[in-house]
């Protein structure tokens, strides 16, 4: 085992998908996507799981998924609430949108005191990615005054869907494999010539070269990075709240980019050829089910995923 936590971001309600996709059965025995990530993380040696949810979804999530997970690994729950803001800040009237992935991780700050990985509940990452992160998190942090982080980098063409747009952190990596830049692009689509993104509601598009590494929100952090996220949240609010009080989001990739820019952290990119499997849209479900069923048939995963003993 590695003394590391798997922090699962499961609070989103799946507006584009049209339902609570975190508990939608995908596997041949009724498994959801998150169960495959937890299975792979446990196999890699992660010691506990911290699930970030909202109070509104707690009953359904714990009854539908949590009960099974709790039989396999230590599971804790953190609650992302809009009112969880730094001293001196109040919730803007009319705000209903969550504060973003950085804020979601911050919700787990009282439960995480070990190195940790962050994942989305509704993305399938592949076993090799968790093994690589576990190996990274086992390494002691160098005593050079910097925080040393890791990110699993997926090829852009392996992370898009034919059913609509996706959000990805588009990355630049130097010759030594370190992340030099990450920019959250919230509208990426597959086009006949390859992936492309738009920042103006589709009026103009910019191509993304095949092979470009992107973040699927699969990170490895030292325990201290929780404090970095916490320190950045009031700065984010100061810079964005007045201009966009109802929609601004504190993205985890932005926190990482700010740390890189400040030279307080570096990020090693762990490349992978794994294909993203996810259910951003309801139309994605059949494709994901077919892919996972094939992995069961090929012996990648046992059937059922968890022993009933």
C-alpha atoms as a PDB file:
ATOM      1  CA  UNK A   1       0.000   0.000   0.000  1.00  0.00           C
ATOM      2  CA  UNK A   2       0.997   3.618  -0.497  1.00  0.00           C
ATOM      3  CA  UNK A   3      -0.158   6.113   2.125  1.00  0.00           C
ATOM      4  CA  UNK A   4      -2.093   8.174  -0.391  1.00  0.00           C
ATOM      5  CA  UNK A   5      -5.707   9.209  -0.842  1.00  0.00           C
ATOM      6  CA  UNK A   6      -7.787   9.127  -3.987  1.00  0.00           C
ATOM      7  CA  UNK A   7      -9.894  12.313  -3.992  1.00  0.00           C
ATOM      8  CA  UNK A   8     -12.928  11.784  -6.215  1.00  0.00           C
ATOM      9  CA  UNK A   9     -14.795  14.821  -7.563  1.00  0.00           C
ATOM     10  CA  UNK A  10     -18.381  13.581  -7.725  1.00  0.00           C
ATOM     11  CA  UNK A  11     -20.435  16.681  -6.983  1.00  0.00           C
ATOM     12  CA  UNK A  12     -21.464  17.657 -10.532  1.00  0.00           C
ATOM     13  CA  UNK A  13     -25.043  16.871 -11.480  1.00  0.00           C
ATOM     14  CA  UNK A  14     -24.309  16.164 -15.160  1.00  0.00           C
ATOM     15  CA  UNK A  15     -26.273  18.955 -16.868  1.00  0.00           C
ATOM     16  CA  UNK A  16     -25.072  18.034 -20.367  1.00  0.00           C
ATOM     17  CA  UNK A  17     -25.651  14.354 -19.656  1.00  0.00           C
ATOM     18  CA  UNK A  18     -29.167  14.852 -18.350  1.00  0.00           C
ATOM     19  CA  UNK A  19     -28.988  13.100 -14.985  1.00  0.00           C
ATOM     20  CA  UNK A  20     -26.846  11.958 -12.092  1.00  0.00           C
ATOM     21  CA  UNK A  21     -24.294  10.159 -14.252  1.00  0.00           C
ATOM     22  CA  UNK A  22     -22.051   9.264 -11.303  1.00  0.00           C
ATOM     23  CA  UNK A  23     -24.454   6.446 -10.347  1.00  0.00           C
ATOM     24  CA  UNK A  24     -25.579   5.360 -13.825  1.00  0.00           C
ATOM     25  CA  UNK A  25     -24.724   1.640 -14.319  1.00  0.00           C
ATOM     26  CA  UNK A  26     -22.100   0.985 -17.002  1.00  0.00           C
ATOM     27  CA  UNK A  27     -20.549  -2.416 -16.235  1.00  0.00           C
ATOM     28  CA  UNK A  28     -22.044  -5.885 -16.876  1.00  0.00           C
ATOM     29  CA  UNK A  29     -22.929  -6.337 -13.198  1.00  0.00           C
ATOM     30  CA  UNK A  30     -24.316  -2.823 -12.724  1.00  0.00           C
ATOM     31  CA  UNK A  31     -20.960  -1.163 -11.932  1.00  0.00           C
ATOM     32  CA  UNK A  32     -20.548   2.588 -12.431  1.00  0.00           C
ATOM     33  CA  UNK A  33     -17.462   4.192 -13.965  1.00  0.00           C
ATOM     34  CA  UNK A  34     -16.146   5.311 -10.580  1.00  0.00           C
ATOM     35  CA  UNK A  35     -15.930   1.708  -9.396  1.00  0.00           C
ATOM     36  CA  UNK A  36     -13.377   0.946 -12.107  1.00  0.00           C
ATOM     37  CA  UNK A  37     -11.222   3.878 -11.012  1.00  0.00           C
ATOM     38  CA  UNK A  38     -11.400   2.792  -7.377  1.00  0.00           C
ATOM     39  CA  UNK A  39     -10.647  -0.812  -8.363  1.00  0.00           C
ATOM     40  CA  UNK A  40      -7.578   0.309 -10.324  1.00  0.00           C
ATOM     41  CA  UNK A  41      -6.437   2.640  -7.529  1.00  0.00           C
ATOM     42  CA  UNK A  42      -6.762  -0.082  -4.882  1.00  0.00           C
ATOM     43  CA  UNK A  43      -4.819  -2.474  -7.101  1.00  0.00           C
ATOM     44  CA  UNK A  44      -2.116   0.203  -7.427  1.00  0.00           C
ATOM     45  CA  UNK A  45      -1.943   0.505  -3.634  1.00  0.00           C
ATOM     46  CA  UNK A  46      -3.965   3.615  -2.714  1.00  0.00           C
ATOM     47  CA  UNK A  47      -4.991   3.380   0.927  1.00  0.00           C
ATOM     48  CA  UNK A  48      -8.224   5.393   1.072  1.00  0.00           C
ATOM     49  CA  UNK A  49     -10.849   7.194  -0.988  1.00  0.00           C
ATOM     50  CA  UNK A  50     -12.303  10.635  -0.248  1.00  0.00           C
ATOM     51  CA  UNK A  51     -15.466  11.319  -2.254  1.00  0.00           C
ATOM     52  CA  UNK A  52     -16.508  14.958  -2.733  1.00  0.00           C
ATOM     53  CA  UNK A  53     -20.272  15.197  -3.151  1.00  0.00           C
ATOM     54  CA  UNK A  54     -23.096  17.587  -2.326  1.00  0.00           C
ATOM     55  CA  UNK A  55     -25.506  17.091   0.532  1.00  0.00           C
ATOM     56  CA  UNK A  56     -28.371  16.929  -1.990  1.00  0.00           C
ATOM     57  CA  UNK A  57     -26.971  13.819  -3.687  1.00  0.00           C
ATOM     58  CA  UNK A  58     -25.590  12.076  -0.600  1.00  0.00           C
ATOM     59  CA  UNK A  59     -28.400   9.568  -0.041  1.00  0.00           C
ATOM     60  CA  UNK A  60     -28.569   8.396  -3.666  1.00  0.00           C
ATOM     61  CA  UNK A  61     -24.797   8.252  -4.043  1.00  0.00           C
ATOM     62  CA  UNK A  62     -24.110   6.330  -0.860  1.00  0.00           C
ATOM     63  CA  UNK A  63     -26.956   3.892  -1.509  1.00  0.00           C
ATOM     64  CA  UNK A  64     -26.079   3.386  -5.166  1.00  0.00           C
ATOM     65  CA  UNK A  65     -22.261   3.335  -5.086  1.00  0.00           C
ATOM     66  CA  UNK A  66     -20.837   4.149  -1.685  1.00  0.00           C
ATOM     67  CA  UNK A  67     -22.067   0.987   0.010  1.00  0.00           C
ATOM     68  CA  UNK A  68     -20.166  -1.175  -2.477  1.00  0.00           C
ATOM     69  CA  UNK A  69     -17.003   0.920  -2.296  1.00  0.00           C
ATOM     70  CA  UNK A  70     -16.986   0.880   1.495  1.00  0.00           C
ATOM     71  CA  UNK A  71     -16.659  -2.909   1.427  1.00  0.00           C
ATOM     72  CA  UNK A  72     -13.435  -2.640  -0.604  1.00  0.00           C
ATOM     73  CA  UNK A  73     -11.522   0.325   0.822  1.00  0.00           C
ATOM     74  CA  UNK A  74     -11.698   3.041   3.482  1.00  0.00           C
ATOM     75  CA  UNK A  75     -14.114   5.702   2.190  1.00  0.00           C
ATOM     76  CA  UNK A  76     -14.687   9.188   3.575  1.00  0.00           C
ATOM     77  CA  UNK A  77     -17.094  11.873   2.353  1.00  0.00           C
ATOM     78  CA  UNK A  78     -16.557  15.605   1.923  1.00  0.00           C
ATOM     79  CA  UNK A  79     -19.278  18.054   0.967  1.00  0.00           C
ATOM     80  CA  UNK A  80     -18.859  20.837  -1.568  1.00  0.00           C
ATOM     81  CA  UNK A  81     -21.119  23.700  -0.581  1.00  0.00           C
ATOM     82  CA  UNK A  82     -21.510  27.070  -2.268  1.00  0.00           C
ATOM     83  CA  UNK A  83     -21.340  28.826   1.091  1.00  0.00           C
ATOM     84  CA  UNK A  84     -17.871  27.394   1.837  1.00  0.00           C
ATOM     85  CA  UNK A  85     -16.025  30.666   1.222  1.00  0.00           C
ATOM     86  CA  UNK A  86     -13.042  32.386   2.874  1.00  0.00           C
ATOM     87  CA  UNK A  87     -13.579  34.909   5.684  1.00  0.00           C
ATOM     88  CA  UNK A  88     -14.701  38.269   4.300  1.00  0.00           C
ATOM     89  CA  UNK A  89     -16.586  36.802   1.309  1.00  0.00           C
ATOM     90  CA  UNK A  90     -20.295  36.071   0.996  1.00  0.00           C
ATOM     91  CA  UNK A  91     -22.249  34.080  -1.567  1.00  0.00           C
ATOM     92  CA  UNK A  92     -23.429  36.355  -4.404  1.00  0.00           C
ATOM     93  CA  UNK A  93     -27.224  36.547  -4.679  1.00  0.00           C
ATOM     94  CA  UNK A  94     -28.444  34.194  -7.401  1.00  0.00           C
ATOM     95  CA  UNK A  95     -25.291  32.052  -7.483  1.00  0.00           C
ATOM     96  CA  UNK A  96     -26.196  28.370  -8.038  1.00  0.00           C
ATOM     97  CA  UNK A  97     -23.220  27.187 -10.126  1.00  0.00           C
ATOM     98  CA  UNK A  98     -20.515  25.268  -8.195  1.00  0.00           C
ATOM     99  CA  UNK A  99     -17.222  27.103  -7.671  1.00  0.00           C
ATOM    100  CA  UNK A 100     -15.209  24.642  -9.788  1.00  0.00           C
ATOM    101  CA  UNK A 101     -12.740  21.795  -9.407  1.00  0.00           C
ATOM    102  CA  UNK A 102     -10.264  23.719  -7.243  1.00  0.00           C
ATOM    103  CA  UNK A 103     -13.023  24.476  -4.768  1.00  0.00           C
ATOM    104  CA  UNK A 104     -14.176  20.840  -4.888  1.00  0.00           C
ATOM    105  CA  UNK A 105     -10.735  19.622  -3.829  1.00  0.00           C
ATOM    106  CA  UNK A 106     -10.706  22.281  -1.121  1.00  0.00           C
ATOM    107  CA  UNK A 107     -13.856  20.702   0.334  1.00  0.00           C
ATOM    108  CA  UNK A 108     -11.693  17.692   1.312  1.00  0.00           C
ATOM    109  CA  UNK A 109      -9.057  19.762   3.126  1.00  0.00           C
ATOM    110  CA  UNK A 110      -9.947  18.451   6.596  1.00  0.00           C
ATOM    111  CA  UNK A 111      -9.811  14.817   5.473  1.00  0.00           C
ATOM    112  CA  UNK A 112      -6.562  14.694   3.485  1.00  0.00           C
ATOM    113  CA  UNK A 113      -3.224  14.676   5.296  1.00  0.00           C
ATOM    114  CA  UNK A 114      -1.255  12.386   2.950  1.00  0.00           C
ATOM    115  CA  UNK A 115      -0.136  12.661  -0.667  1.00  0.00           C
ATOM    116  CA  UNK A 116      -3.220  12.445  -2.854  1.00  0.00           C
ATOM    117  CA  UNK A 117      -4.502  11.980  -6.367  1.00  0.00           C
ATOM    118  CA  UNK A 118      -7.519  13.772  -7.843  1.00  0.00           C
ATOM    119  CA  UNK A 119      -9.944  12.249 -10.353  1.00  0.00           C
ATOM    120  CA  UNK A 120     -13.366  12.926 -11.829  1.00  0.00           C
ATOM    121  CA  UNK A 121     -16.041  10.423 -10.834  1.00  0.00           C
ATOM    122  CA  UNK A 122     -17.384  10.082 -14.367  1.00  0.00           C
ATOM    123  CA  UNK A 123     -14.162   9.480 -16.328  1.00  0.00           C
ATOM    124  CA  UNK A 124     -12.516   6.122 -17.007  1.00  0.00           C
ATOM    125  CA  UNK A 125      -8.729   6.503 -16.796  1.00  0.00           C
ATOM    126  CA  UNK A 126      -7.144   3.051 -17.162  1.00  0.00           C
ATOM    127  CA  UNK A 127      -5.180   0.976 -14.650  1.00  0.00           C
ATOM    128  CA  UNK A 128      -1.756   2.042 -15.880  1.00  0.00           C
ATOM    129  CA  UNK A 129      -2.455   5.665 -14.995  1.00  0.00           C
ATOM    130  CA  UNK A 130      -3.115   4.838 -11.337  1.00  0.00           C
ATOM    131  CA  UNK A 131      -0.047   2.616 -11.143  1.00  0.00           C
ATOM    132  CA  UNK A 132       2.114   5.468 -12.468  1.00  0.00           C
ATOM    133  CA  UNK A 133       0.644   7.951  -9.993  1.00  0.00           C
ATOM    134  CA  UNK A 134       1.042   5.576  -7.058  1.00  0.00           C
ATOM    135  CA  UNK A 135       4.704   5.125  -7.954  1.00  0.00           C
ATOM    136  CA  UNK A 136       5.142   8.912  -8.114  1.00  0.00           C
ATOM    137  CA  UNK A 137       3.400   9.484  -4.779  1.00  0.00           C
ATOM    138  CA  UNK A 138       5.660   6.933  -3.073  1.00  0.00           C
ATOM    139  CA  UNK A 139       8.680   9.105  -3.782  1.00  0.00           C
ATOM    140  CA  UNK A 140       9.726  11.515  -1.026  1.00  0.00           C
ATOM    141  CA  UNK A 141       9.462  15.197  -1.880  1.00  0.00           C
ATOM    142  CA  UNK A 142      12.831  16.772  -2.628  1.00  0.00           C
ATOM    143  CA  UNK A 143      13.904  19.259   0.033  1.00  0.00           C
ATOM    144  CA  UNK A 144      14.365  22.107  -2.431  1.00  0.00           C
ATOM    145  CA  UNK A 145      11.528  24.360  -1.280  1.00  0.00           C
ATOM    146  CA  UNK A 146       9.277  23.492  -4.232  1.00  0.00           C
ATOM    147  CA  UNK A 147       6.181  21.328  -4.447  1.00  0.00           C
ATOM    148  CA  UNK A 148       6.592  18.497  -6.942  1.00  0.00           C
ATOM    149  CA  UNK A 149       3.381  17.472  -8.671  1.00  0.00           C
ATOM    150  CA  UNK A 150       2.384  14.960 -11.340  1.00  0.00           C
ATOM    151  CA  UNK A 151      -0.248  14.931 -14.053  1.00  0.00           C
ATOM    152  CA  UNK A 152      -1.249  12.071 -16.340  1.00  0.00           C
ATOM    153  CA  UNK A 153      -1.207  13.457 -19.883  1.00  0.00           C
ATOM    154  CA  UNK A 154      -3.649  12.059 -22.457  1.00  0.00           C
ATOM    155  CA  UNK A 155      -3.427  12.661 -26.206  1.00  0.00           C
ATOM    156  CA  UNK A 156      -6.148  15.076 -27.267  1.00  0.00           C
ATOM    157  CA  UNK A 157      -7.492  12.741 -29.953  1.00  0.00           C
ATOM    158  CA  UNK A 158      -8.088  10.072 -27.306  1.00  0.00           C
ATOM    159  CA  UNK A 159     -10.282  12.320 -25.157  1.00  0.00           C
ATOM    160  CA  UNK A 160     -13.035  13.717 -27.397  1.00  0.00           C
ATOM    161  CA  UNK A 161     -16.589  12.567 -28.076  1.00  0.00           C
ATOM    162  CA  UNK A 162     -18.559  12.652 -31.313  1.00  0.00           C
ATOM    163  CA  UNK A 163     -21.647  13.784 -29.407  1.00  0.00           C
ATOM    164  CA  UNK A 164     -20.657  17.342 -28.455  1.00  0.00           C
ATOM    165  CA  UNK A 165     -18.038  19.474 -26.758  1.00  0.00           C
ATOM    166  CA  UNK A 166     -15.785  18.671 -23.787  1.00  0.00           C
ATOM    167  CA  UNK A 167     -13.583  20.696 -21.447  1.00  0.00           C
ATOM    168  CA  UNK A 168      -9.889  19.843 -21.206  1.00  0.00           C
ATOM    169  CA  UNK A 169      -6.741  21.429 -19.839  1.00  0.00           C
ATOM    170  CA  UNK A 170      -4.560  21.844 -22.950  1.00  0.00           C
ATOM    171  CA  UNK A 171      -0.884  21.435 -22.027  1.00  0.00           C
ATOM    172  CA  UNK A 172       2.596  22.303 -23.172  1.00  0.00           C
ATOM    173  CA  UNK A 173       5.454  20.071 -22.006  1.00  0.00           C
ATOM    174  CA  UNK A 174       9.195  20.753 -22.161  1.00  0.00           C
ATOM    175  CA  UNK A 175      11.920  18.370 -23.329  1.00  0.00           C
ATOM    176  CA  UNK A 176      12.376  17.051 -19.768  1.00  0.00           C
ATOM    177  CA  UNK A 177       8.712  16.057 -19.493  1.00  0.00           C
ATOM    178  CA  UNK A 178       7.683  18.931 -17.241  1.00  0.00           C
ATOM    179  CA  UNK A 179       4.475  20.868 -17.679  1.00  0.00           C
ATOM    180  CA  UNK A 180       5.160  24.451 -18.741  1.00  0.00           C
ATOM    181  CA  UNK A 181       1.631  25.634 -19.482  1.00  0.00           C
ATOM    182  CA  UNK A 182      -1.939  24.431 -18.966  1.00  0.00           C
ATOM    183  CA  UNK A 183      -4.981  26.340 -20.205  1.00  0.00           C
ATOM    184  CA  UNK A 184      -8.531  25.205 -19.533  1.00  0.00           C
ATOM    185  CA  UNK A 185     -10.464  25.109 -22.807  1.00  0.00           C
ATOM    186  CA  UNK A 186     -14.143  24.671 -22.032  1.00  0.00           C
ATOM    187  CA  UNK A 187     -15.384  23.981 -25.576  1.00  0.00           C
ATOM    188  CA  UNK A 188     -13.379  21.376 -27.472  1.00  0.00           C
ATOM    189  CA  UNK A 189     -14.996  19.447 -30.316  1.00  0.00           C
ATOM    190  CA  UNK A 190     -14.036  16.749 -32.763  1.00  0.00           C
ATOM    191  CA  UNK A 191     -14.029  18.011 -36.363  1.00  0.00           C
ATOM    192  CA  UNK A 192     -13.199  16.255 -39.668  1.00  0.00           C
ATOM    193  CA  UNK A 193      -9.631  17.611 -39.492  1.00  0.00           C
ATOM    194  CA  UNK A 194      -9.114  16.780 -35.814  1.00  0.00           C
ATOM    195  CA  UNK A 195      -9.847  18.391 -32.448  1.00  0.00           C
ATOM    196  CA  UNK A 196     -10.453  22.137 -32.176  1.00  0.00           C
ATOM    197  CA  UNK A 197     -11.527  24.648 -29.534  1.00  0.00           C
ATOM    198  CA  UNK A 198     -13.578  27.837 -29.430  1.00  0.00           C
ATOM    199  CA  UNK A 199     -13.550  30.660 -26.901  1.00  0.00           C
ATOM    200  CA  UNK A 200     -16.389  32.688 -28.491  1.00  0.00           C
ATOM    201  CA  UNK A 201     -19.356  30.307 -28.585  1.00  0.00           C
ATOM    202  CA  UNK A 202     -18.331  28.692 -31.855  1.00  0.00           C
ATOM    203  CA  UNK A 203     -17.874  31.854 -33.921  1.00  0.00           C
ATOM    204  CA  UNK A 204     -14.197  31.003 -34.480  1.00  0.00           C
ATOM    205  CA  UNK A 205     -12.191  27.819 -33.976  1.00  0.00           C
ATOM    206  CA  UNK A 206      -8.541  26.984 -33.326  1.00  0.00           C
ATOM    207  CA  UNK A 207      -7.116  23.580 -34.252  1.00  0.00           C
ATOM    208  CA  UNK A 208      -5.383  21.416 -31.638  1.00  0.00           C
ATOM    209  CA  UNK A 209      -2.595  19.286 -33.106  1.00  0.00           C
ATOM    210  CA  UNK A 210      -2.878  15.518 -32.800  1.00  0.00           C
ATOM    211  CA  UNK A 211      -0.765  14.227 -29.931  1.00  0.00           C
ATOM    212  CA  UNK A 212      -1.159  17.414 -27.876  1.00  0.00           C
ATOM    213  CA  UNK A 213      -1.217  16.375 -24.204  1.00  0.00           C
ATOM    214  CA  UNK A 214      -4.307  17.322 -22.248  1.00  0.00           C
ATOM    215  CA  UNK A 215      -5.324  17.022 -18.634  1.00  0.00           C
ATOM    216  CA  UNK A 216      -8.214  14.759 -17.711  1.00  0.00           C
ATOM    217  CA  UNK A 217      -8.008  16.040 -14.125  1.00  0.00           C
ATOM    218  CA  UNK A 218      -5.841  13.115 -13.048  1.00  0.00           C
ATOM    219  CA  UNK A 219      -3.254  14.601 -10.688  1.00  0.00           C
ATOM    220  CA  UNK A 220      -0.759  13.589  -8.044  1.00  0.00           C
ATOM    221  CA  UNK A 221      -0.090  16.093  -5.239  1.00  0.00           C
ATOM    222  CA  UNK A 222       1.877  16.241  -1.985  1.00  0.00           C
ATOM    223  CA  UNK A 223      -0.289  16.769   1.097  1.00  0.00           C
ATOM    224  CA  UNK A 224       0.861  20.403   1.273  1.00  0.00           C
ATOM    225  CA  UNK A 225      -0.840  21.273  -2.004  1.00  0.00           C
ATOM    226  CA  UNK A 226      -4.187  21.481  -0.194  1.00  0.00           C
ATOM    227  CA  UNK A 227      -2.793  24.592   1.499  1.00  0.00           C
ATOM    228  CA  UNK A 228      -1.754  26.012  -1.874  1.00  0.00           C
ATOM    229  CA  UNK A 229      -5.310  25.545  -3.186  1.00  0.00           C
ATOM    230  CA  UNK A 230      -6.744  27.143  -0.056  1.00  0.00           C
ATOM    231  CA  UNK A 231      -4.428  30.158  -0.269  1.00  0.00           C
ATOM    232  CA  UNK A 232      -5.349  30.765  -3.892  1.00  0.00           C
ATOM    233  CA  UNK A 233      -9.126  30.794  -3.462  1.00  0.00           C
ATOM    234  CA  UNK A 234      -9.460  34.286  -1.930  1.00  0.00           C
ATOM    235  CA  UNK A 235      -7.088  35.662  -4.588  1.00  0.00           C
ATOM    236  CA  UNK A 236      -9.303  34.110  -7.253  1.00  0.00           C
ATOM    237  CA  UNK A 237     -12.407  35.642  -5.708  1.00  0.00           C
ATOM    238  CA  UNK A 238     -10.769  39.076  -5.482  1.00  0.00           C
ATOM    239  CA  UNK A 239      -9.862  38.908  -9.176  1.00  0.00           C
ATOM    240  CA  UNK A 240     -13.115  37.458 -10.573  1.00  0.00           C
ATOM    241  CA  UNK A 241     -16.075  37.858  -8.277  1.00  0.00           C
ATOM    242  CA  UNK A 242     -17.035  41.418  -9.187  1.00  0.00           C
ATOM    243  CA  UNK A 243     -16.871  40.827 -12.947  1.00  0.00           C
ATOM    244  CA  UNK A 244     -18.582  37.424 -13.078  1.00  0.00           C
ATOM    245  CA  UNK A 245     -20.288  36.644  -9.754  1.00  0.00           C
ATOM    246  CA  UNK A 246     -22.636  33.949 -11.059  1.00  0.00           C
ATOM    247  CA  UNK A 247     -20.388  31.882 -13.347  1.00  0.00           C
ATOM    248  CA  UNK A 248     -16.680  32.293 -12.501  1.00  0.00           C
ATOM    249  CA  UNK A 249     -14.994  28.998 -11.535  1.00  0.00           C
ATOM    250  CA  UNK A 250     -11.868  28.169  -9.563  1.00  0.00           C
ATOM    251  CA  UNK A 251     -10.353  25.540 -11.856  1.00  0.00           C
ATOM    252  CA  UNK A 252      -7.742  23.135 -10.490  1.00  0.00           C
ATOM    253  CA  UNK A 253      -5.566  23.481 -13.633  1.00  0.00           C
ATOM    254  CA  UNK A 254      -5.490  27.247 -13.037  1.00  0.00           C
ATOM    255  CA  UNK A 255      -4.180  26.670  -9.495  1.00  0.00           C
ATOM    256  CA  UNK A 256      -1.447  24.456 -10.922  1.00  0.00           C
ATOM    257  CA  UNK A 257      -0.579  26.979 -13.632  1.00  0.00           C
ATOM    258  CA  UNK A 258      -0.317  29.780 -11.061  1.00  0.00           C
ATOM    259  CA  UNK A 259       2.090  27.655  -8.999  1.00  0.00           C
ATOM    260  CA  UNK A 260       4.214  26.941 -12.088  1.00  0.00           C
ATOM    261  CA  UNK A 261       4.274  30.643 -12.987  1.00  0.00           C
ATOM    262  CA  UNK A 262       5.284  31.565  -9.428  1.00  0.00           C
ATOM    263  CA  UNK A 263       8.026  28.892  -9.571  1.00  0.00           C
ATOM    264  CA  UNK A 264       6.711  27.388  -6.364  1.00  0.00           C
ATOM    265  CA  UNK A 265       5.933  24.035  -8.022  1.00  0.00           C
ATOM    266  CA  UNK A 266       6.835  21.873 -10.980  1.00  0.00           C
ATOM    267  CA  UNK A 267       4.766  19.156 -12.639  1.00  0.00           C
ATOM    268  CA  UNK A 268       6.068  15.977 -14.230  1.00  0.00           C
ATOM    269  CA  UNK A 269       3.750  14.773 -17.000  1.00  0.00           C
ATOM    270  CA  UNK A 270       3.180  11.018 -17.050  1.00  0.00           C
ATOM    271  CA  UNK A 271       2.234  10.240 -20.667  1.00  0.00           C
ATOM    272  CA  UNK A 272      -0.344   7.600 -21.507  1.00  0.00           C
ATOM    273  CA  UNK A 273      -1.837   6.068 -24.635  1.00  0.00           C
ATOM    274  CA  UNK A 274      -5.032   5.167 -22.765  1.00  0.00           C
ATOM    275  CA  UNK A 275      -8.301   6.270 -24.355  1.00  0.00           C
ATOM    276  CA  UNK A 276     -10.707   8.349 -22.322  1.00  0.00           C
ATOM    277  CA  UNK A 277     -13.988   6.650 -21.562  1.00  0.00           C
ATOM    278  CA  UNK A 278     -16.652   8.919 -20.185  1.00  0.00           C
ATOM    279  CA  UNK A 279     -20.296   9.865 -20.307  1.00  0.00           C
ATOM    280  CA  UNK A 280     -20.323  13.597 -20.907  1.00  0.00           C
ATOM    281  CA  UNK A 281     -23.503  13.067 -22.930  1.00  0.00           C
ATOM    282  CA  UNK A 282     -26.157  10.377 -22.644  1.00  0.00           C
ATOM    283  CA  UNK A 283     -25.280   9.244 -26.166  1.00  0.00           C
ATOM    284  CA  UNK A 284     -21.793   8.299 -24.903  1.00  0.00           C
ATOM    285  CA  UNK A 285     -23.169   5.580 -22.636  1.00  0.00           C
ATOM    286  CA  UNK A 286     -23.524   2.791 -25.236  1.00  0.00           C
ATOM    287  CA  UNK A 287     -19.940   3.278 -26.457  1.00  0.00           C
ATOM    288  CA  UNK A 288     -18.547   3.163 -22.934  1.00  0.00           C
ATOM    289  CA  UNK A 289     -20.596   0.093 -22.038  1.00  0.00           C
ATOM    290  CA  UNK A 290     -19.315  -1.748 -25.112  1.00  0.00           C
ATOM    291  CA  UNK A 291     -15.687  -0.869 -24.330  1.00  0.00           C
ATOM    292  CA  UNK A 292     -15.947  -1.968 -20.703  1.00  0.00           C
ATOM    293  CA  UNK A 293     -17.768  -5.168 -21.610  1.00  0.00           C
ATOM    294  CA  UNK A 294     -14.889  -6.002 -23.980  1.00  0.00           C
ATOM    295  CA  UNK A 295     -12.374  -5.458 -21.157  1.00  0.00           C
ATOM    296  CA  UNK A 296     -14.309  -7.887 -18.981  1.00  0.00           C
ATOM    297  CA  UNK A 297     -14.355 -10.464 -21.783  1.00  0.00           C
ATOM    298  CA  UNK A 298     -10.612 -10.002 -22.297  1.00  0.00           C
ATOM    299  CA  UNK A 299      -9.874 -10.548 -18.621  1.00  0.00           C
ATOM    300  CA  UNK A 300      -8.741  -6.988 -17.907  1.00  0.00           C
ATOM    301  CA  UNK A 301     -11.396  -6.906 -15.176  1.00  0.00           C
ATOM    302  CA  UNK A 302     -13.070  -9.781 -13.302  1.00  0.00           C
ATOM    303  CA  UNK A 303     -16.816 -10.352 -13.623  1.00  0.00           C
ATOM    304  CA  UNK A 304     -18.317  -9.136 -11.380  1.00  0.00           C
ATOM    305  CA  UNK A 305     -15.800  -6.396 -10.635  1.00  0.00           C
ATOM    306  CA  UNK A 306     -16.004  -6.987  -6.877  1.00  0.00           C
ATOM    307  CA  UNK A 307     -16.091 -10.335  -5.146  1.00  0.00           C
ATOM    308  CA  UNK A 308     -19.441 -11.079  -3.505  1.00  0.00           C
ATOM    309  CA  UNK A 309     -17.712 -13.009  -0.721  1.00  0.00           C
END
